[in-house]
Amino acid sequence: MGTFVVFLAQLAGGGGTGAWAIGVSGVITAFVAVLAYVKRIDRSITKSDWVFLAVALAALPCWYFTSNPLWAVIILTGADLAGFGPTFRSAYVRPHHERMGFYSLAAVRNLLVILALEHHSLTTVLFPAAVGIACVIFVAMVLYRRRILSEQVNGQVYEQRT
């Protein structure tokens, strides 16, 4: 929902056709969420899920009352980045369980979104730039953790053999 609201804000900010990738992403995410709910794949709804929903919903009245889509983008970008927190924590502990291709592709997608925007402003660029940078940092952290854990395992194997 948040990603789709950012898409609407980007359109209002003059992002043009470059914003459509964010809109498609928002629709796909909503579709996956509906499928997960209908199929009852994951029945757990945590308190943080409700908090993120509330933040996403709060962005709409903020935009309405200020008549400025930038505030909606700032709120939703912050919520999206905060939602990345559990993924970072999990990947730090178990870096081999993450698919790097997905996050690498997301980083490239966000770069292409920025390049395709018809108008560059904080309203149109903030979300894809922040999410793209977060993806790059995430990939770097996972690769670093994989290397460190590999060195620790290889060092222990070497010590056991000697």
Protein backbone atom coordinates (compact mmCIF):
# COMPACT_ATOMS: atom_id res chain seq x y z
CA MET A 1 0.00 0.00 0.00
CA GLY A 2 2.80 2.36 0.91
CA THR A 3 4.63 1.81 -2.36
CA PHE A 4 1.46 2.55 -4.32
CA VAL A 5 0.90 5.79 -2.39
CA VAL A 6 4.50 6.79 -3.21
CA PHE A 7 3.65 6.12 -6.86
CA LEU A 8 0.67 8.48 -6.63
CA ALA A 9 2.84 11.11 -4.93
CA GLN A 10 5.49 10.75 -7.64
CA LEU A 11 2.83 11.27 -10.30
CA ALA A 12 1.61 14.37 -8.44
CA GLY A 13 5.23 15.55 -8.25
CA GLY A 14 5.69 15.27 -12.02
CA GLY A 15 7.54 11.94 -12.11
CA GLY A 16 5.67 10.89 -15.25
CA THR A 17 6.27 7.52 -16.86
CA GLY A 18 9.34 6.88 -14.71
CA ALA A 19 7.05 6.53 -11.70
CA TRP A 20 5.14 3.65 -13.26
CA ALA A 21 7.71 1.05 -12.16
CA ILE A 22 6.99 2.00 -8.55
CA GLY A 23 3.24 1.79 -9.26
CA VAL A 24 3.58 -1.68 -10.81
CA SER A 25 5.68 -2.76 -7.82
CA GLY A 26 2.96 -1.50 -5.48
CA VAL A 27 0.24 -3.39 -7.37
CA ILE A 28 2.29 -6.61 -7.43
CA THR A 29 3.01 -6.32 -3.71
CA ALA A 30 -0.68 -5.79 -2.97
CA PHE A 31 -1.58 -8.77 -5.15
CA VAL A 32 0.91 -11.00 -3.30
CA ALA A 33 -0.48 -9.78 0.04
CA VAL A 34 -4.05 -10.58 -1.03
CA LEU A 35 -3.02 -14.03 -2.28
CA ALA A 36 -1.19 -14.72 0.98
CA TYR A 37 -4.27 -13.69 2.94
CA VAL A 38 -6.70 -15.69 0.80
CA LYS A 39 -4.50 -18.80 0.81
CA ARG A 40 -3.81 -18.33 4.54
CA ILE A 41 -0.13 -18.91 3.90
CA ASP A 42 0.91 -16.79 6.86
CA ARG A 43 -1.73 -16.20 9.49
CA SER A 44 0.49 -14.25 11.82
CA ILE A 45 -0.08 -10.52 11.93
CA THR A 46 2.34 -8.88 14.33
CA LYS A 47 2.05 -5.60 16.18
CA SER A 48 4.70 -4.15 13.88
CA ASP A 49 2.53 -5.09 10.87
CA TRP A 50 -0.27 -2.96 12.34
CA VAL A 51 2.18 -0.13 13.02
CA PHE A 52 3.39 -0.13 9.39
CA LEU A 53 -0.21 -0.18 8.16
CA ALA A 54 -1.04 2.77 10.43
CA VAL A 55 1.98 4.72 9.18
CA ALA A 56 1.01 4.03 5.57
CA LEU A 57 -2.53 5.18 6.25
CA ALA A 58 -1.25 8.26 8.14
CA ALA A 59 0.64 9.39 5.05
CA LEU A 60 -2.59 9.98 3.15
CA PRO A 61 -4.13 12.55 5.53
CA CYS A 62 -0.72 14.18 5.89
CA TRP A 63 -0.62 14.64 2.13
CA TYR A 64 -4.23 15.85 2.11
CA PHE A 65 -3.79 18.43 4.88
CA THR A 66 -0.46 19.80 3.65
CA SER A 67 -1.35 19.59 -0.07
CA ASN A 68 2.25 18.48 -0.50
CA PRO A 69 3.03 14.94 -1.71
CA LEU A 70 6.59 15.26 -0.35
CA TRP A 71 5.39 14.64 3.22
CA ALA A 72 3.68 11.42 2.19
CA VAL A 73 6.87 10.30 0.42
CA ILE A 74 9.02 11.14 3.47
CA ILE A 75 6.71 9.23 5.83
CA LEU A 76 6.42 6.21 3.55
CA THR A 77 10.13 6.12 2.77
CA GLY A 78 10.86 6.09 6.50
CA ALA A 79 8.31 3.33 7.06
CA ASP A 80 9.71 1.27 4.19
CA LEU A 81 13.26 1.60 5.47
CA ALA A 82 12.17 0.75 9.01
CA GLY A 83 10.42 -2.31 7.63
CA PHE A 84 13.77 -3.38 6.20
CA GLY A 85 15.14 -3.66 9.77
CA PRO A 86 14.02 -7.22 10.49
CA THR A 87 15.40 -8.34 7.12
CA PHE A 88 18.80 -6.82 7.97
CA ARG A 89 18.79 -8.47 11.39
CA SER A 90 17.85 -11.88 9.99
CA ALA A 91 20.39 -11.66 7.16
CA TYR A 92 23.16 -10.66 9.54
CA VAL A 93 22.60 -13.83 11.56
CA ARG A 94 21.91 -16.12 8.56
CA PRO A 95 23.45 -14.46 5.49
CA HIS A 96 23.32 -17.63 3.38
CA HIS A 97 19.51 -17.69 3.55
CA GLU A 98 19.11 -14.49 1.53
CA ARG A 99 18.73 -14.31 -2.24
CA MET A 100 21.16 -11.67 -3.38
CA GLY A 101 19.76 -11.54 -6.91
CA PHE A 102 16.46 -10.10 -5.69
CA TYR A 103 18.09 -7.23 -3.78
CA SER A 104 20.61 -6.58 -6.55
CA LEU A 105 17.77 -6.42 -9.06
CA ALA A 106 15.84 -4.06 -6.76
CA ALA A 107 18.86 -1.75 -6.56
CA VAL A 108 19.19 -1.68 -10.35
CA ARG A 109 15.43 -1.20 -10.75
CA ASN A 110 15.49 1.84 -8.47
CA LEU A 111 18.42 3.33 -10.37
CA LEU A 112 16.52 2.86 -13.63
CA VAL A 113 13.41 4.41 -12.05
CA ILE A 114 15.40 7.51 -11.12
CA LEU A 115 16.89 7.75 -14.61
CA ALA A 116 13.44 7.35 -16.21
CA LEU A 117 11.70 10.03 -14.15
CA GLU A 118 10.50 12.95 -16.23
CA HIS A 119 11.00 15.41 -13.37
CA HIS A 120 13.62 15.05 -10.64
CA SER A 121 12.71 16.46 -7.25
CA LEU A 122 12.86 15.24 -3.67
CA THR A 123 9.27 14.03 -4.05
CA THR A 124 10.06 11.87 -7.08
CA VAL A 125 13.61 10.72 -6.23
CA LEU A 126 13.63 10.17 -2.45
CA PHE A 127 11.85 6.81 -2.31
CA PRO A 128 13.68 4.99 -5.14
CA ALA A 129 17.03 6.45 -4.06
CA ALA A 130 16.60 5.48 -0.41
CA VAL A 131 15.34 1.98 -1.19
CA GLY A 132 18.05 1.47 -3.83
CA ILE A 133 20.78 2.56 -1.41
CA ALA A 134 19.30 0.29 1.28
CA CYS A 135 19.45 -2.63 -1.16
CA VAL A 136 23.09 -1.91 -2.03
CA ILE A 137 24.00 -1.69 1.68
CA PHE A 138 22.07 -4.90 2.32
CA VAL A 139 23.90 -6.79 -0.45
CA ALA A 140 27.26 -5.49 0.79
CA MET A 141 26.45 -6.49 4.38
CA VAL A 142 25.35 -10.00 3.37
CA LEU A 143 28.43 -10.55 1.19
CA TYR A 144 30.66 -9.30 4.01
CA ARG A 145 28.96 -11.58 6.55
CA ARG A 146 29.24 -14.57 4.21
CA ARG A 147 32.95 -13.91 3.79
CA ILE A 148 33.53 -13.50 7.54
CA LEU A 149 31.61 -16.66 8.39
CA SER A 150 33.42 -18.57 5.64
CA GLU A 151 36.79 -17.43 7.00
CA GLN A 152 35.77 -18.44 10.52
CA VAL A 153 34.68 -21.90 9.36
CA ASN A 154 37.80 -22.37 7.21
CA GLY A 155 40.03 -21.17 10.06
CA GLN A 156 38.43 -23.64 12.49
CA VAL A 157 38.79 -26.49 9.99
CA TYR A 158 42.46 -25.58 9.50
CA GLU A 159 43.07 -25.44 13.26
CA GLN A 160 41.41 -28.83 13.77
CA ARG A 161 43.60 -30.46 11.10
CA THR A 162 46.90 -29.16 12.56
